[in-house]
Amino acid sequence: MKGVVFKIESKNYYVLDENNKEIRCFLRGKFQKEFSIKKDKLLTLDIVAVGDNVEFKLNSDGTGLITDILPRKNKISRKAPRIKGASLRGERLEQIIAANVDNLVIISSWLEPKFNNRLIDRMIVVAESSGVVPLIVINKIDLDKENNRSYWVNLYKEIGYEVFETSVVTKDGLENLKNRLQGNSNLFWGHSGVGKSSLLNQLYPGLNLKVGEISNYTLKGKHTTVTVLMKKVDDNTFVIDSPGIREIDPYGIKKEDLSHYFIEFKEYIYNCKFNTCTHNHEPGCAVVEACNQGKISEERYKSYINLLSTIEEDLFFE
């Protein structure tokens, strides 16, 4: 039998089969052995991820045994927190958030918590490097009384990204966003408190996801979603709710490749004096010149430099 993993809790893998029946499955021993080997090499935390297509067989008690994990078309991942006692100093594991994703829906609220373009740019890099379409959602626009968000909306649209301005209070932008998600597998990702679950409940009322509050002390969100959860909302549309994050470090990207994931740089990167240019301090850099001339956003360039300084930090390449 075939199905898709929609939730993982400890050693339980919940699979939605081809008849939309939910089945609690376990992992075949050979995969646990492969996982152990990979763990020793400190390559990855996950052998199965939400969104994976799998083959399984039913047990007599109605549970299932996953016998094969089908090839992924992509995955969304980040550097995991440090593992205490890791054999290689500073080495970081890969934490896979979800697999086989069409759209990475990047959620940032305008306020409560405050809009964070640096996090958006990091998530865009994750999407671009994974072959996933980034959709930028600026939520809680009812709190932007003076339309100050227009600067950022125009910035990202001019680069070529789709931007959705939404509010669960006024219902603005919800229909356009829902239409864009139709027929795709969509991962919702962002800081705690930006309104991921609230948006999903408005878009698809039957989900009934738990909604959190904002801490009065930190003005940041409290974690309410504790595990990645995928839901089938119609015949060919899936949405994936994920725990809020404090920060994100893209995984598996080298310094010489980073500029390719800032798509507005591509027009200039081949015009640099040196073909090994990192677009930071080198003379004759066409990207720096384009930024100085206002052809590349200074804010986006700052995001690039911030990422460049840490992109290979604590990262192990085979």
Protein backbone atom coordinates (compact mmCIF):
# COMPACT_ATOMS: atom_id res chain seq x y z
CA MET A 1 0.00 0.00 0.00
CA LYS A 2 1.05 3.59 -0.57
CA GLY A 3 0.45 6.75 1.41
CA VAL A 4 1.91 10.05 2.60
CA VAL A 5 3.27 10.77 6.08
CA PHE A 6 1.21 13.55 7.67
CA LYS A 7 2.45 13.50 11.27
CA ILE A 8 5.38 12.09 13.25
CA GLU A 9 5.36 11.63 17.01
CA SER A 10 8.33 9.82 18.52
CA LYS A 11 8.49 6.44 16.75
CA ASN A 12 4.93 6.71 15.42
CA TYR A 13 4.52 7.67 11.76
CA TYR A 14 0.97 8.60 10.79
CA VAL A 15 0.20 7.87 7.15
CA LEU A 16 -2.73 8.97 5.00
CA ASP A 17 -3.42 6.15 2.55
CA GLU A 18 -4.85 6.41 -0.96
CA ASN A 19 -8.37 6.11 0.45
CA ASN A 20 -7.79 9.00 2.88
CA LYS A 21 -7.64 6.65 5.85
CA GLU A 22 -5.22 7.55 8.65
CA ILE A 23 -2.96 4.69 9.75
CA ARG A 24 -0.41 4.64 12.56
CA CYS A 25 2.77 3.08 11.21
CA PHE A 26 6.16 2.02 12.46
CA LEU A 27 9.51 2.08 10.72
CA ARG A 28 11.04 -1.10 9.36
CA GLY A 29 14.23 -2.18 11.09
CA LYS A 30 16.47 -1.66 8.06
CA PHE A 31 15.65 2.06 8.06
CA GLN A 32 16.46 2.33 11.75
CA LYS A 33 19.86 0.80 10.97
CA GLU A 34 20.43 3.26 8.12
CA PHE A 35 19.42 6.07 10.46
CA SER A 36 21.96 4.92 13.03
CA ILE A 37 24.74 4.95 10.43
CA LYS A 38 23.77 8.43 9.24
CA LYS A 39 23.59 9.65 12.82
CA ASP A 40 27.13 8.41 13.45
CA LYS A 41 28.24 10.49 10.46
CA LEU A 42 26.21 13.43 11.78
CA LEU A 43 24.47 14.02 8.47
CA THR A 44 20.80 14.18 9.37
CA LEU A 45 18.31 13.90 12.20
CA ASP A 46 15.54 12.45 10.07
CA ILE A 47 15.07 9.35 7.96
CA VAL A 48 11.35 10.03 7.39
CA ALA A 49 9.73 13.46 7.19
CA VAL A 50 6.21 14.81 6.96
CA GLY A 51 5.31 14.87 3.28
CA ASP A 52 7.26 11.73 2.42
CA ASN A 53 5.53 9.25 0.14
CA VAL A 54 5.92 5.75 1.54
CA GLU A 55 4.99 2.15 0.91
CA PHE A 56 3.70 0.15 3.87
CA LYS A 57 1.97 -3.10 4.75
CA LEU A 58 -0.87 -3.54 7.23
CA ASN A 59 -0.42 -5.52 10.40
CA SER A 60 -3.15 -7.69 11.87
CA ASP A 61 -3.90 -5.08 14.55
CA GLY A 62 -4.60 -2.34 11.99
CA THR A 63 -1.27 -0.58 12.34
CA GLY A 64 1.20 -0.40 9.48
CA LEU A 65 4.88 -1.10 8.82
CA ILE A 66 6.71 1.28 6.48
CA THR A 67 8.67 -0.85 4.03
CA ASP A 68 9.96 1.77 1.61
CA ILE A 69 10.44 5.54 1.45
CA LEU A 70 9.94 6.81 -2.08
CA PRO A 71 12.34 9.37 -3.62
CA ARG A 72 11.73 13.00 -2.67
CA LYS A 73 11.46 15.79 -5.21
CA ASN A 74 12.74 18.21 -2.55
CA LYS A 75 12.91 18.94 1.16
CA ILE A 76 12.81 21.99 3.39
CA SER A 77 15.43 21.86 6.12
CA ARG A 78 17.61 23.95 8.40
CA LYS A 79 20.58 23.49 10.73
CA ALA A 80 19.41 21.75 13.88
CA PRO A 81 20.47 22.88 17.35
CA ARG A 82 23.86 21.57 18.45
CA ILE A 83 23.98 17.98 19.60
CA LYS A 84 25.72 17.72 22.96
CA GLY A 85 28.73 15.42 22.80
CA ALA A 86 28.93 15.38 18.97
CA SER A 87 32.10 13.62 17.79
CA LEU A 88 33.12 16.49 15.50
CA ARG A 89 33.44 19.83 17.23
CA GLY A 90 30.92 22.38 16.06
CA GLU A 91 29.27 20.01 13.60
CA ARG A 92 25.55 20.60 13.00
CA LEU A 93 22.88 18.14 11.93
CA GLU A 94 20.25 18.72 9.29
CA GLN A 95 16.69 19.06 10.57
CA ILE A 96 14.15 18.29 7.83
CA ILE A 97 10.91 20.20 8.30
CA ALA A 98 8.93 18.68 5.42
CA ALA A 99 9.40 16.91 2.09
CA ASN A 100 7.81 17.18 -1.36
CA VAL A 101 6.75 20.80 -0.93
CA ASP A 102 5.47 23.03 -3.75
CA ASN A 103 5.19 26.35 -1.92
CA LEU A 104 6.99 27.65 1.16
CA VAL A 105 4.50 30.10 2.66
CA ILE A 106 6.68 32.54 4.60
CA ILE A 107 4.56 34.20 7.29
CA SER A 108 5.61 37.43 8.97
CA SER A 109 3.23 39.59 10.97
CA TRP A 110 3.44 43.36 10.68
CA LEU A 111 3.32 43.75 14.46
CA GLU A 112 3.04 41.44 17.46
CA PRO A 113 5.67 40.20 16.72
CA LYS A 114 7.30 42.93 14.64
CA PHE A 115 7.95 42.43 10.93
CA ASN A 116 11.31 40.72 10.36
CA ASN A 117 12.75 41.03 6.85
CA ARG A 118 16.00 39.28 7.83
CA LEU A 119 14.10 36.10 8.68
CA ILE A 120 12.10 36.37 5.47
CA ASP A 121 15.31 36.60 3.44
CA ARG A 122 16.75 33.54 5.17
CA MET A 123 13.59 31.58 4.42
CA ILE A 124 13.70 32.70 0.80
CA VAL A 125 17.23 31.28 0.57
CA VAL A 126 15.97 27.97 1.96
CA ALA A 127 13.18 27.90 -0.63
CA GLU A 128 15.39 28.89 -3.57
CA SER A 129 18.07 26.35 -2.68
CA SER A 130 15.42 23.61 -2.36
CA GLY A 131 13.60 24.28 -5.62
CA VAL A 132 10.48 25.43 -3.78
CA VAL A 133 8.41 28.51 -4.62
CA PRO A 134 8.48 31.12 -1.81
CA LEU A 135 5.22 32.95 -1.12
CA ILE A 136 5.57 35.92 1.22
CA VAL A 137 2.65 36.66 3.52
CA ILE A 138 2.55 39.85 5.59
CA ASN A 139 -0.10 39.12 8.20
CA LYS A 140 -1.96 41.28 10.74
CA ILE A 141 -2.14 44.20 8.32
CA ASP A 142 -5.03 45.58 10.40
CA LEU A 143 -2.28 46.73 12.81
CA ASP A 144 -0.59 48.79 10.07
CA LYS A 145 -2.71 51.90 10.26
CA GLU A 146 -0.38 54.01 8.07
CA ASN A 147 0.34 51.41 5.36
CA ASN A 148 4.06 51.40 6.18
CA ARG A 149 4.30 47.84 4.91
CA SER A 150 4.04 49.10 1.32
CA TYR A 151 7.83 49.64 1.24
CA TRP A 152 8.42 45.92 1.82
CA VAL A 153 5.56 44.79 -0.39
CA ASN A 154 6.99 46.76 -3.30
CA LEU A 155 10.56 45.63 -2.58
CA TYR A 156 9.75 41.93 -2.79
CA LYS A 157 7.37 42.30 -5.71
CA GLU A 158 10.00 44.21 -7.71
CA ILE A 159 12.42 41.32 -7.16
CA GLY A 160 9.80 38.98 -8.55
CA TYR A 161 8.19 37.39 -5.50
CA GLU A 162 4.50 37.00 -4.80
CA VAL A 163 3.38 38.94 -1.72
CA PHE A 164 0.06 38.51 0.08
CA GLU A 165 -1.23 41.05 2.61
CA THR A 166 -3.60 39.35 5.04
CA SER A 167 -5.64 39.84 8.18
CA VAL A 168 -7.84 37.34 9.99
CA VAL A 169 -9.61 40.32 11.59
CA THR A 170 -10.66 42.09 8.38
CA LYS A 171 -10.40 38.98 6.15
CA ASP A 172 -8.26 40.96 3.69
CA GLY A 173 -6.18 38.88 1.28
CA LEU A 174 -7.50 35.52 2.41
CA GLU A 175 -9.32 34.60 -0.79
CA ASN A 176 -6.32 35.46 -2.99
CA LEU A 177 -4.01 33.40 -0.80
CA LYS A 178 -6.38 30.42 -0.73
CA ASN A 179 -6.67 30.46 -4.53
CA ARG A 180 -2.87 30.50 -4.84
CA LEU A 181 -2.50 27.47 -2.57
CA GLN A 182 -4.99 25.40 -4.55
CA GLY A 183 -3.58 22.19 -6.01
CA ASN A 184 -0.27 22.37 -4.15
CA SER A 185 1.51 21.13 -1.06
CA ASN A 186 2.09 24.25 1.05
CA LEU A 187 4.36 24.55 4.09
CA PHE A 188 3.53 27.44 6.46
CA TRP A 189 6.66 28.67 8.26
CA GLY A 190 7.48 31.66 10.45
CA HIS A 191 8.11 33.03 13.93
CA SER A 192 5.92 31.99 16.82
CA GLY A 193 2.90 34.29 17.09
CA VAL A 194 2.79 35.53 13.49
CA GLY A 195 -0.58 33.86 12.96
CA LYS A 196 0.14 30.68 10.98
CA SER A 197 -2.53 28.61 12.69
CA SER A 198 -5.03 31.47 12.74
CA LEU A 199 -4.59 31.97 9.01
CA LEU A 200 -5.01 28.27 8.32
CA ASN A 201 -8.19 28.16 10.44
CA GLN A 202 -9.62 31.06 8.45
CA LEU A 203 -8.65 29.56 5.12
CA TYR A 204 -9.88 26.08 6.03
CA PRO A 205 -12.31 26.28 9.01
CA GLY A 206 -12.48 22.52 9.42
CA LEU A 207 -8.87 22.32 10.60
CA ASN A 208 -9.58 23.68 14.11
CA LEU A 209 -5.88 24.22 14.85
CA LYS A 210 -4.92 25.48 18.29
CA VAL A 211 -4.17 29.21 18.32
CA GLY A 212 -1.65 30.79 20.69
CA GLU A 213 -1.17 34.15 22.34
CA ILE A 214 1.52 36.81 22.40
CA SER A 215 3.69 37.12 25.49
CA ASN A 216 3.16 40.55 27.06
CA TYR A 217 6.74 40.51 28.28
CA THR A 218 8.60 39.69 25.09
CA LEU A 219 5.94 40.61 22.49
CA LYS A 220 6.87 37.33 20.84
CA GLY A 221 4.70 34.35 20.18
CA LYS A 222 4.25 31.37 22.45
CA HIS A 223 4.68 27.94 20.87
CA THR A 224 1.31 26.29 20.27
CA THR A 225 2.05 24.00 17.33
CA VAL A 226 4.47 21.44 18.76
CA THR A 227 4.88 19.15 15.78
CA VAL A 228 4.76 19.43 12.00
CA LEU A 229 1.28 18.51 10.82
CA MET A 230 0.05 18.07 7.25
CA LYS A 231 -3.65 18.20 6.39
CA LYS A 232 -5.40 17.37 3.13
CA VAL A 233 -7.90 20.20 2.66
CA ASP A 234 -9.31 19.12 -0.69
CA ASP A 235 -8.68 16.51 -3.37
CA ASN A 236 -5.31 17.91 -4.43
CA THR A 237 -4.34 20.55 -1.84
CA PHE A 238 -2.26 19.99 1.29
CA VAL A 239 -1.25 22.49 3.98
CA ILE A 240 1.51 21.90 6.51
CA ASP A 241 1.47 23.71 9.85
CA SER A 242 4.82 23.88 11.64
CA PRO A 243 6.09 24.99 15.05
CA GLY A 244 7.13 28.62 15.26
CA ILE A 245 10.85 29.26 15.06
CA ARG A 246 13.10 31.79 16.77
CA GLU A 247 15.79 31.73 14.10
CA ILE A 248 16.85 29.82 11.03
CA ASP A 249 20.22 28.81 9.64
CA PRO A 250 19.97 27.34 6.11
CA TYR A 251 21.62 23.93 5.82
CA GLY A 252 24.06 22.65 3.21
CA ILE A 253 24.83 25.92 1.40
CA LYS A 254 28.38 26.97 0.62
CA LYS A 255 29.55 30.57 0.50
CA GLU A 256 30.26 30.44 -3.22
CA ASP A 257 26.66 29.36 -3.91
CA LEU A 258 24.78 31.76 -1.63
CA SER A 259 24.54 34.62 -4.14
CA HIS A 260 22.62 32.37 -6.56
CA TYR A 261 19.75 32.25 -4.07
CA PHE A 262 19.41 36.05 -4.04
CA ILE A 263 17.80 36.07 -7.46
CA GLU A 264 18.25 39.78 -8.12
CA PHE A 265 22.04 39.25 -7.92
CA LYS A 266 22.07 36.90 -10.92
CA GLU A 267 22.16 39.73 -13.43
CA TYR A 268 25.46 40.92 -11.97
CA ILE A 269 27.39 38.01 -10.45
CA TYR A 270 29.04 36.99 -13.72
CA ASN A 271 30.35 40.52 -14.31
CA CYS A 272 32.63 40.57 -11.28
CA LYS A 273 36.36 40.95 -11.76
CA PHE A 274 37.07 37.63 -10.03
CA ASN A 275 35.09 34.48 -10.71
CA THR A 276 35.57 33.50 -7.05
CA CYS A 277 34.02 36.76 -5.85
CA THR A 278 31.91 36.44 -2.69
CA HIS A 279 30.45 39.93 -3.29
CA ASN A 280 31.72 41.18 0.01
CA HIS A 281 35.11 42.91 0.03
CA GLU A 282 36.63 42.04 -3.36
CA PRO A 283 37.57 44.83 -5.81
CA GLY A 284 35.64 45.00 -9.07
CA CYS A 285 32.51 43.41 -7.62
CA ALA A 286 29.52 44.04 -9.89
CA VAL A 287 27.03 43.17 -7.13
CA VAL A 288 28.45 45.79 -4.76
CA GLU A 289 28.44 48.32 -7.60
CA ALA A 290 24.80 47.50 -8.39
CA CYS A 291 23.92 48.00 -4.73
CA ASN A 292 25.74 51.35 -4.66
CA GLN A 293 23.76 52.41 -7.72
CA GLY A 294 20.45 51.42 -6.12
CA LYS A 295 19.85 48.53 -8.52
CA ILE A 296 19.95 46.06 -5.63
CA SER A 297 18.18 46.80 -2.34
CA GLU A 298 20.55 47.76 0.46
CA GLU A 299 18.35 45.79 2.87
CA ARG A 300 18.62 42.65 0.78
CA TYR A 301 22.38 43.10 0.45
CA LYS A 302 22.66 43.42 4.24
CA SER A 303 20.72 40.15 4.59
CA TYR A 304 23.17 38.54 2.17
CA ILE A 305 26.22 39.75 4.13
CA ASN A 306 24.70 38.60 7.43
CA LEU A 307 24.12 35.14 5.98
CA LEU A 308 27.52 35.01 4.29
CA SER A 309 29.29 35.43 7.62
CA THR A 310 27.66 32.33 9.12
CA ILE A 311 26.54 30.17 6.18
CA GLU A 312 29.34 27.59 6.57
CA GLU A 313 29.83 28.07 10.29
CA ASP A 314 29.50 24.79 12.20
CA LEU A 315 28.68 22.97 8.97
CA PHE A 316 30.21 19.69 7.90
CA PHE A 317 30.52 18.72 4.23
CA GLU A 318 31.34 15.16 3.21
